[in-house]
Amino acid sequence: MKVFYQFKQNESEQIIKHFGNVFYEKVLRDISLYVDKWALSFFKFIPSYSANIVFTCFSEIYGSTVLKIGKSPSREVLTEFNTLKEYEASRFCKVFDADIENGVILEEFIEPGIPLRNERSLDVRLSVFCSLYKDLHIMPVNAELYPTYTEWVSRITEYISRREDCKELTLYMNKAEEICLSLTSLYPEKVLLHGDFHHDNILLGKDGTYKIIDPKGVIGDPIFDIPRFILNEFDDELTMETYKKINDIIGYLEKKLMIPNNIIRECLFVETAMGICWCVEDGATPEEYPGLVKTVAFAESILKNGPFNLV
């Protein structure tokens, strides 16, 4: 097999550690396959080690591109591909092609691609988010292709409840599921959501406007596309300053998006609990559990909108 990209030793080790040797061998085969299929060259590895292996590269057919190689079969590739197709670029990056059965997708490379996280001004970050959020969501053409937000919540609730070592998180997640079902009855719209709408998935393009990347593709009310952004404004240390900042953010979003303050707080608690339980599912160690519980407890203090007394 001809080699078109040579991983550094530490990169190979990290891929094998996170995904296993079988997947690593798949990546090498896929690079060779799609070099020919999409006329790819100038590979640059993006060492994220998340759900996919990601490269930037150049296609003689499409121009500057991003190649994502995931496991096969991949429902995530299916939903991302179809979400981008349904949105037909607009505020999203373009999707050029995919081999869904093999878990591979080729998308537009947003240049310079500076993530919104790099913007120092909180007011600017919030303004950009709100401008993208407003009038973003569409009715899906093929709703049956996507999971629903409540399915996400119910599935992780069921998972964490089976963990004997996560009793405290189970209590939080049960509460989150109850709140989610209540929110869904109040906000029953079923539109196509991004599902992971935060700073690192909002990139600055050449024309000075921001583009959205990496949609998960999930069905639910637009309110459920708000909390992931707020969650990514949590500081590493959850202090009184963070508490004040998050409350100010919620107040800003309430005014700009015309969504009641308490509803945003409830959405944030649900998203935080779910995200933390996903961390456990993805392999967080028992030593990390106290910090994870602390994050959900912080979201609960925001939910209650009472005095800050997190230990």
Protein backbone atom coordinates (compact mmCIF):
# COMPACT_ATOMS: atom_id res chain seq x y z
CA MET A 1 0.00 0.00 0.00
CA LYS A 2 1.41 3.39 -1.01
CA VAL A 3 1.85 5.78 1.94
CA PHE A 4 0.31 9.23 1.41
CA TYR A 5 0.60 10.46 4.98
CA GLN A 6 3.11 9.48 7.63
CA PHE A 7 1.90 9.89 11.20
CA LYS A 8 4.44 10.91 13.81
CA GLN A 9 5.09 8.21 16.39
CA ASN A 10 3.19 10.01 19.15
CA GLU A 11 0.25 10.59 16.79
CA SER A 12 0.07 6.89 15.91
CA GLU A 13 0.26 5.98 19.59
CA GLN A 14 -2.54 8.37 20.50
CA ILE A 15 -4.81 7.09 17.72
CA ILE A 16 -4.24 3.48 18.77
CA LYS A 17 -4.77 4.40 22.43
CA HIS A 18 -8.08 6.13 21.75
CA PHE A 19 -9.46 3.99 18.92
CA GLY A 20 -7.48 0.74 18.75
CA ASN A 21 -5.10 -0.72 16.18
CA VAL A 22 -7.87 -1.96 13.87
CA PHE A 23 -9.15 1.58 13.44
CA TYR A 24 -5.62 2.90 12.95
CA GLU A 25 -5.12 0.45 10.07
CA LYS A 26 -8.48 1.55 8.63
CA VAL A 27 -7.32 5.18 8.65
CA LEU A 28 -4.21 4.29 6.68
CA ARG A 29 -6.26 2.37 4.10
CA ASP A 30 -8.82 5.14 3.84
CA ILE A 31 -6.24 7.83 3.18
CA SER A 32 -4.94 5.80 0.24
CA LEU A 33 -8.47 5.19 -1.07
CA TYR A 34 -9.73 8.78 -0.91
CA VAL A 35 -6.55 10.34 -2.27
CA ASP A 36 -7.59 8.84 -5.60
CA LYS A 37 -11.33 9.29 -5.23
CA TRP A 38 -11.23 12.99 -4.35
CA ALA A 39 -7.77 13.92 -5.75
CA LEU A 40 -6.38 14.86 -2.34
CA SER A 41 -2.95 16.18 -1.41
CA PHE A 42 -1.19 18.40 1.16
CA PHE A 43 -2.49 16.57 4.21
CA LYS A 44 -2.25 18.18 7.63
CA PHE A 45 -3.34 16.13 10.64
CA ILE A 46 -5.53 17.85 13.26
CA PRO A 47 -4.76 15.99 16.51
CA SER A 48 -8.16 16.13 18.23
CA TYR A 49 -8.65 12.37 18.88
CA SER A 50 -12.40 12.81 19.29
CA ALA A 51 -14.99 10.88 17.31
CA ASN A 52 -13.03 11.11 14.05
CA ILE A 53 -9.53 11.43 12.68
CA VAL A 54 -9.41 14.80 10.93
CA PHE A 55 -7.14 16.23 8.23
CA THR A 56 -7.08 19.43 6.29
CA CYS A 57 -6.06 18.84 2.69
CA PHE A 58 -6.41 20.10 -0.86
CA SER A 59 -8.71 18.56 -3.44
CA GLU A 60 -8.19 19.20 -7.14
CA ILE A 61 -11.96 18.79 -7.44
CA TYR A 62 -13.23 20.87 -4.51
CA GLY A 63 -10.36 23.06 -3.30
CA SER A 64 -9.47 23.43 0.39
CA THR A 65 -11.15 20.63 2.29
CA VAL A 66 -11.46 18.80 5.60
CA LEU A 67 -11.34 15.01 5.54
CA LYS A 68 -12.93 13.20 8.48
CA ILE A 69 -12.39 9.48 8.94
CA GLY A 70 -14.59 7.71 11.47
CA LYS A 71 -15.62 4.23 12.38
CA SER A 72 -17.87 2.30 10.02
CA PRO A 73 -20.75 2.14 9.86
CA SER A 74 -21.27 5.58 11.39
CA ARG A 75 -24.63 7.09 12.23
CA GLU A 76 -22.79 10.27 13.18
CA VAL A 77 -21.47 10.67 9.64
CA LEU A 78 -24.96 10.01 8.28
CA THR A 79 -26.55 12.69 10.45
CA GLU A 80 -23.75 15.23 9.91
CA PHE A 81 -23.81 14.73 6.14
CA ASN A 82 -27.57 15.05 5.91
CA THR A 83 -27.70 18.03 8.27
CA LEU A 84 -25.20 19.92 6.10
CA LYS A 85 -27.07 18.89 2.96
CA GLU A 86 -30.39 20.07 4.40
CA TYR A 87 -28.94 23.42 5.40
CA GLU A 88 -27.33 23.79 1.94
CA ALA A 89 -24.33 25.79 3.18
CA SER A 90 -25.99 29.12 4.25
CA ARG A 91 -24.39 29.71 7.65
CA PHE A 92 -22.88 26.24 7.64
CA CYS A 93 -19.77 24.96 5.90
CA LYS A 94 -20.36 23.10 2.65
CA VAL A 95 -20.27 19.32 2.47
CA PHE A 96 -18.79 17.98 -0.76
CA ASP A 97 -19.07 14.21 -0.58
CA ALA A 98 -19.16 11.26 1.80
CA ASP A 99 -18.81 7.52 2.01
CA ILE A 100 -21.30 7.02 4.81
CA GLU A 101 -20.97 3.25 4.97
CA ASN A 102 -17.25 3.66 5.58
CA GLY A 103 -17.62 6.57 8.01
CA VAL A 104 -15.84 9.16 5.84
CA ILE A 105 -16.89 12.69 4.94
CA LEU A 106 -15.31 15.53 2.93
CA GLU A 107 -16.21 19.12 3.81
CA GLU A 108 -15.24 22.70 3.12
CA PHE A 109 -12.20 23.99 4.98
CA ILE A 110 -13.07 27.34 6.54
CA GLU A 111 -10.06 29.67 6.31
CA PRO A 112 -8.52 31.14 8.39
CA GLY A 113 -10.85 29.10 10.60
CA ILE A 114 -10.27 31.02 13.84
CA PRO A 115 -12.69 29.63 16.44
CA LEU A 116 -15.01 31.98 18.27
CA ARG A 117 -13.33 30.80 21.48
CA ASN A 118 -10.33 32.98 20.51
CA GLU A 119 -12.43 36.14 20.64
CA ARG A 120 -11.54 37.87 23.90
CA SER A 121 -14.69 39.96 24.23
CA LEU A 122 -17.60 38.12 25.84
CA ASP A 123 -20.01 40.65 24.32
CA VAL A 124 -18.70 39.87 20.83
CA ARG A 125 -18.91 36.12 21.44
CA LEU A 126 -22.50 36.45 22.57
CA SER A 127 -23.40 38.74 19.68
CA VAL A 128 -21.98 36.31 17.12
CA PHE A 129 -23.79 33.38 18.71
CA CYS A 130 -27.13 35.20 18.76
CA SER A 131 -26.75 36.38 15.14
CA LEU A 132 -26.17 32.79 14.02
CA TYR A 133 -28.87 31.30 16.24
CA LYS A 134 -31.69 33.59 15.15
CA ASP A 135 -33.73 32.11 12.27
CA LEU A 136 -31.20 29.29 11.98
CA HIS A 137 -33.37 26.24 12.45
CA ILE A 138 -35.28 24.50 9.69
CA MET A 139 -37.82 21.72 9.43
CA PRO A 140 -36.00 18.51 8.50
CA VAL A 141 -36.83 16.87 5.19
CA ASN A 142 -35.93 13.44 6.53
CA ALA A 143 -36.71 13.61 10.25
CA GLU A 144 -36.48 9.83 10.60
CA LEU A 145 -32.72 9.97 9.94
CA TYR A 146 -32.02 11.83 13.17
CA PRO A 147 -32.27 11.08 16.87
CA THR A 148 -34.33 13.42 19.04
CA TYR A 149 -32.95 15.47 21.90
CA THR A 150 -35.20 13.66 24.37
CA GLU A 151 -33.84 10.35 23.07
CA TRP A 152 -30.33 11.59 23.83
CA VAL A 153 -31.36 12.48 27.36
CA SER A 154 -33.28 9.27 27.99
CA ARG A 155 -30.50 7.06 26.64
CA ILE A 156 -27.76 8.56 28.81
CA THR A 157 -30.10 8.55 31.83
CA GLU A 158 -30.68 4.84 31.35
CA TYR A 159 -26.94 4.26 30.94
CA ILE A 160 -25.80 6.17 34.03
CA SER A 161 -28.50 4.53 36.17
CA ARG A 162 -26.83 1.17 35.54
CA ARG A 163 -23.51 2.42 36.90
CA GLU A 164 -23.05 1.36 40.50
CA ASP A 165 -20.22 3.88 40.94
CA CYS A 166 -22.21 6.97 39.85
CA LYS A 167 -25.10 7.23 42.29
CA GLU A 168 -24.84 11.00 42.67
CA LEU A 169 -24.68 11.58 38.93
CA THR A 170 -27.66 9.25 38.50
CA LEU A 171 -29.74 11.48 40.79
CA TYR A 172 -28.74 14.56 38.82
CA MET A 173 -29.46 12.87 35.49
CA ASN A 174 -32.87 11.66 36.64
CA LYS A 175 -33.70 15.24 37.56
CA ALA A 176 -32.39 16.43 34.19
CA GLU A 177 -34.56 13.95 32.31
CA GLU A 178 -37.63 15.08 34.23
CA ILE A 179 -36.88 18.72 33.41
CA CYS A 180 -36.24 17.88 29.75
CA LEU A 181 -39.61 16.17 29.38
CA SER A 182 -41.29 19.18 30.98
CA LEU A 183 -39.47 21.57 28.64
CA THR A 184 -40.45 19.48 25.62
CA SER A 185 -44.12 19.77 26.56
CA LEU A 186 -43.76 23.56 26.74
CA TYR A 187 -41.53 23.86 23.69
CA PRO A 188 -42.63 21.07 21.34
CA GLU A 189 -41.20 22.33 18.04
CA LYS A 190 -39.37 19.61 16.10
CA VAL A 191 -36.72 21.28 13.96
CA LEU A 192 -33.24 20.26 12.90
CA LEU A 193 -30.74 21.30 15.57
CA HIS A 194 -26.97 21.56 15.39
CA GLY A 195 -26.63 19.60 18.62
CA ASP A 196 -23.10 20.81 19.48
CA PHE A 197 -23.42 24.55 18.93
CA HIS A 198 -20.47 26.07 20.75
CA HIS A 199 -17.37 28.24 20.27
CA ASP A 200 -15.10 25.67 18.61
CA ASN A 201 -17.74 24.88 15.99
CA ILE A 202 -18.08 28.53 14.99
CA LEU A 203 -15.16 29.56 12.75
CA LEU A 204 -14.16 32.87 11.21
CA GLY A 205 -14.01 32.82 7.41
CA LYS A 206 -12.04 34.88 4.89
CA ASP A 207 -14.88 37.35 4.39
CA GLY A 208 -14.98 38.22 8.08
CA THR A 209 -18.16 36.28 8.80
CA TYR A 210 -18.48 33.22 10.99
CA LYS A 211 -19.45 29.78 9.67
CA ILE A 212 -20.81 26.80 11.57
CA ILE A 213 -19.19 23.36 11.38
CA ASP A 214 -19.58 19.86 12.83
CA PRO A 215 -23.34 19.54 13.35
CA LYS A 216 -24.51 16.44 15.19
CA GLY A 217 -27.98 16.54 13.65
CA VAL A 218 -30.75 16.07 16.22
CA ILE A 219 -34.45 16.87 16.32
CA GLY A 220 -35.94 19.14 18.98
CA ASP A 221 -36.97 22.65 19.89
CA PRO A 222 -34.50 25.49 19.17
CA ILE A 223 -34.10 26.12 22.90
CA PHE A 224 -31.97 22.98 23.11
CA ASP A 225 -29.33 24.53 20.84
CA ILE A 226 -28.56 27.24 23.42
CA PRO A 227 -27.06 25.53 26.50
CA ARG A 228 -23.98 23.95 24.91
CA PHE A 229 -22.69 27.45 24.16
CA ILE A 230 -23.22 28.59 27.76
CA LEU A 231 -21.61 25.41 29.09
CA ASN A 232 -18.48 26.25 27.12
CA GLU A 233 -18.28 29.57 28.98
CA PHE A 234 -17.70 27.71 32.26
CA ASP A 235 -14.23 28.48 33.59
CA ASP A 236 -11.78 25.77 34.64
CA GLU A 237 -12.30 26.87 38.23
CA LEU A 238 -15.96 27.32 39.11
CA THR A 239 -15.84 30.43 41.27
CA MET A 240 -18.17 33.25 42.25
CA GLU A 241 -16.85 35.16 39.23
CA THR A 242 -17.92 32.31 36.97
CA TYR A 243 -21.30 32.20 38.65
CA LYS A 244 -21.81 35.91 38.00
CA LYS A 245 -20.61 35.58 34.40
CA ILE A 246 -23.01 32.73 33.61
CA ASN A 247 -25.90 34.62 35.17
CA ASP A 248 -25.03 37.68 33.07
CA ILE A 249 -24.89 35.50 29.95
CA ILE A 250 -28.33 34.07 30.69
CA GLY A 251 -29.69 37.57 31.18
CA TYR A 252 -28.19 38.68 27.86
CA LEU A 253 -29.63 35.70 25.98
CA GLU A 254 -33.04 36.19 27.57
CA LYS A 255 -33.23 39.70 26.12
CA LYS A 256 -31.69 38.96 22.73
CA LEU A 257 -33.49 35.66 22.03
CA MET A 258 -36.73 36.39 23.89
CA ILE A 259 -36.57 33.16 25.87
CA PRO A 260 -37.48 33.23 29.57
CA ASN A 261 -34.62 33.25 32.03
CA ASN A 262 -35.79 30.15 33.89
CA ILE A 263 -36.11 28.16 30.66
CA ILE A 264 -32.49 28.87 29.73
CA ARG A 265 -31.39 27.81 33.21
CA GLU A 266 -33.29 24.54 32.91
CA CYS A 267 -31.80 23.85 29.48
CA LEU A 268 -28.31 24.50 30.86
CA PHE A 269 -28.81 22.06 33.73
CA VAL A 270 -30.06 19.34 31.38
CA GLU A 271 -27.17 19.84 28.95
CA THR A 272 -24.56 19.94 31.72
CA ALA A 273 -25.80 16.77 33.38
CA MET A 274 -25.97 14.97 30.04
CA GLY A 275 -22.52 16.15 28.97
CA ILE A 276 -20.96 15.07 32.26
CA CYS A 277 -22.57 11.64 32.05
CA TRP A 278 -21.23 11.32 28.51
CA CYS A 279 -17.77 11.93 29.99
CA VAL A 280 -18.30 8.92 32.25
CA GLU A 281 -19.51 6.82 29.33
CA ASP A 282 -16.45 7.87 27.32
CA GLY A 283 -14.11 6.54 29.97
CA ALA A 284 -13.59 9.15 32.68
CA THR A 285 -11.70 7.65 35.61
CA PRO A 286 -13.10 7.39 39.18
CA GLU A 287 -10.53 9.99 40.22
CA GLU A 288 -12.25 12.43 37.88
CA TYR A 289 -15.75 11.83 39.24
CA PRO A 290 -15.64 14.44 42.06
CA GLY A 291 -14.79 17.17 39.54
CA LEU A 292 -17.56 16.00 37.22
CA VAL A 293 -20.10 16.03 40.05
CA LYS A 294 -18.94 19.51 41.02
CA THR A 295 -19.68 20.78 37.50
CA VAL A 296 -23.25 19.46 37.61
CA ALA A 297 -23.70 20.87 41.11
CA PHE A 298 -22.58 24.24 39.74
CA ALA A 299 -25.20 24.02 36.97
CA GLU A 300 -27.79 23.17 39.62
CA SER A 301 -26.85 26.31 41.57
CA ILE A 302 -27.41 28.29 38.34
CA LEU A 303 -30.72 26.48 37.89
CA LYS A 304 -31.90 27.51 41.36
CA ASN A 305 -30.65 31.06 40.86
CA GLY A 306 -29.92 31.27 44.55
CA PRO A 307 -26.89 32.22 46.63
CA PHE A 308 -23.62 30.82 45.40
CA ASN A 309 -22.52 28.23 47.96
CA LEU A 310 -20.76 25.57 45.91
CA VAL A 311 -18.07 23.82 47.95
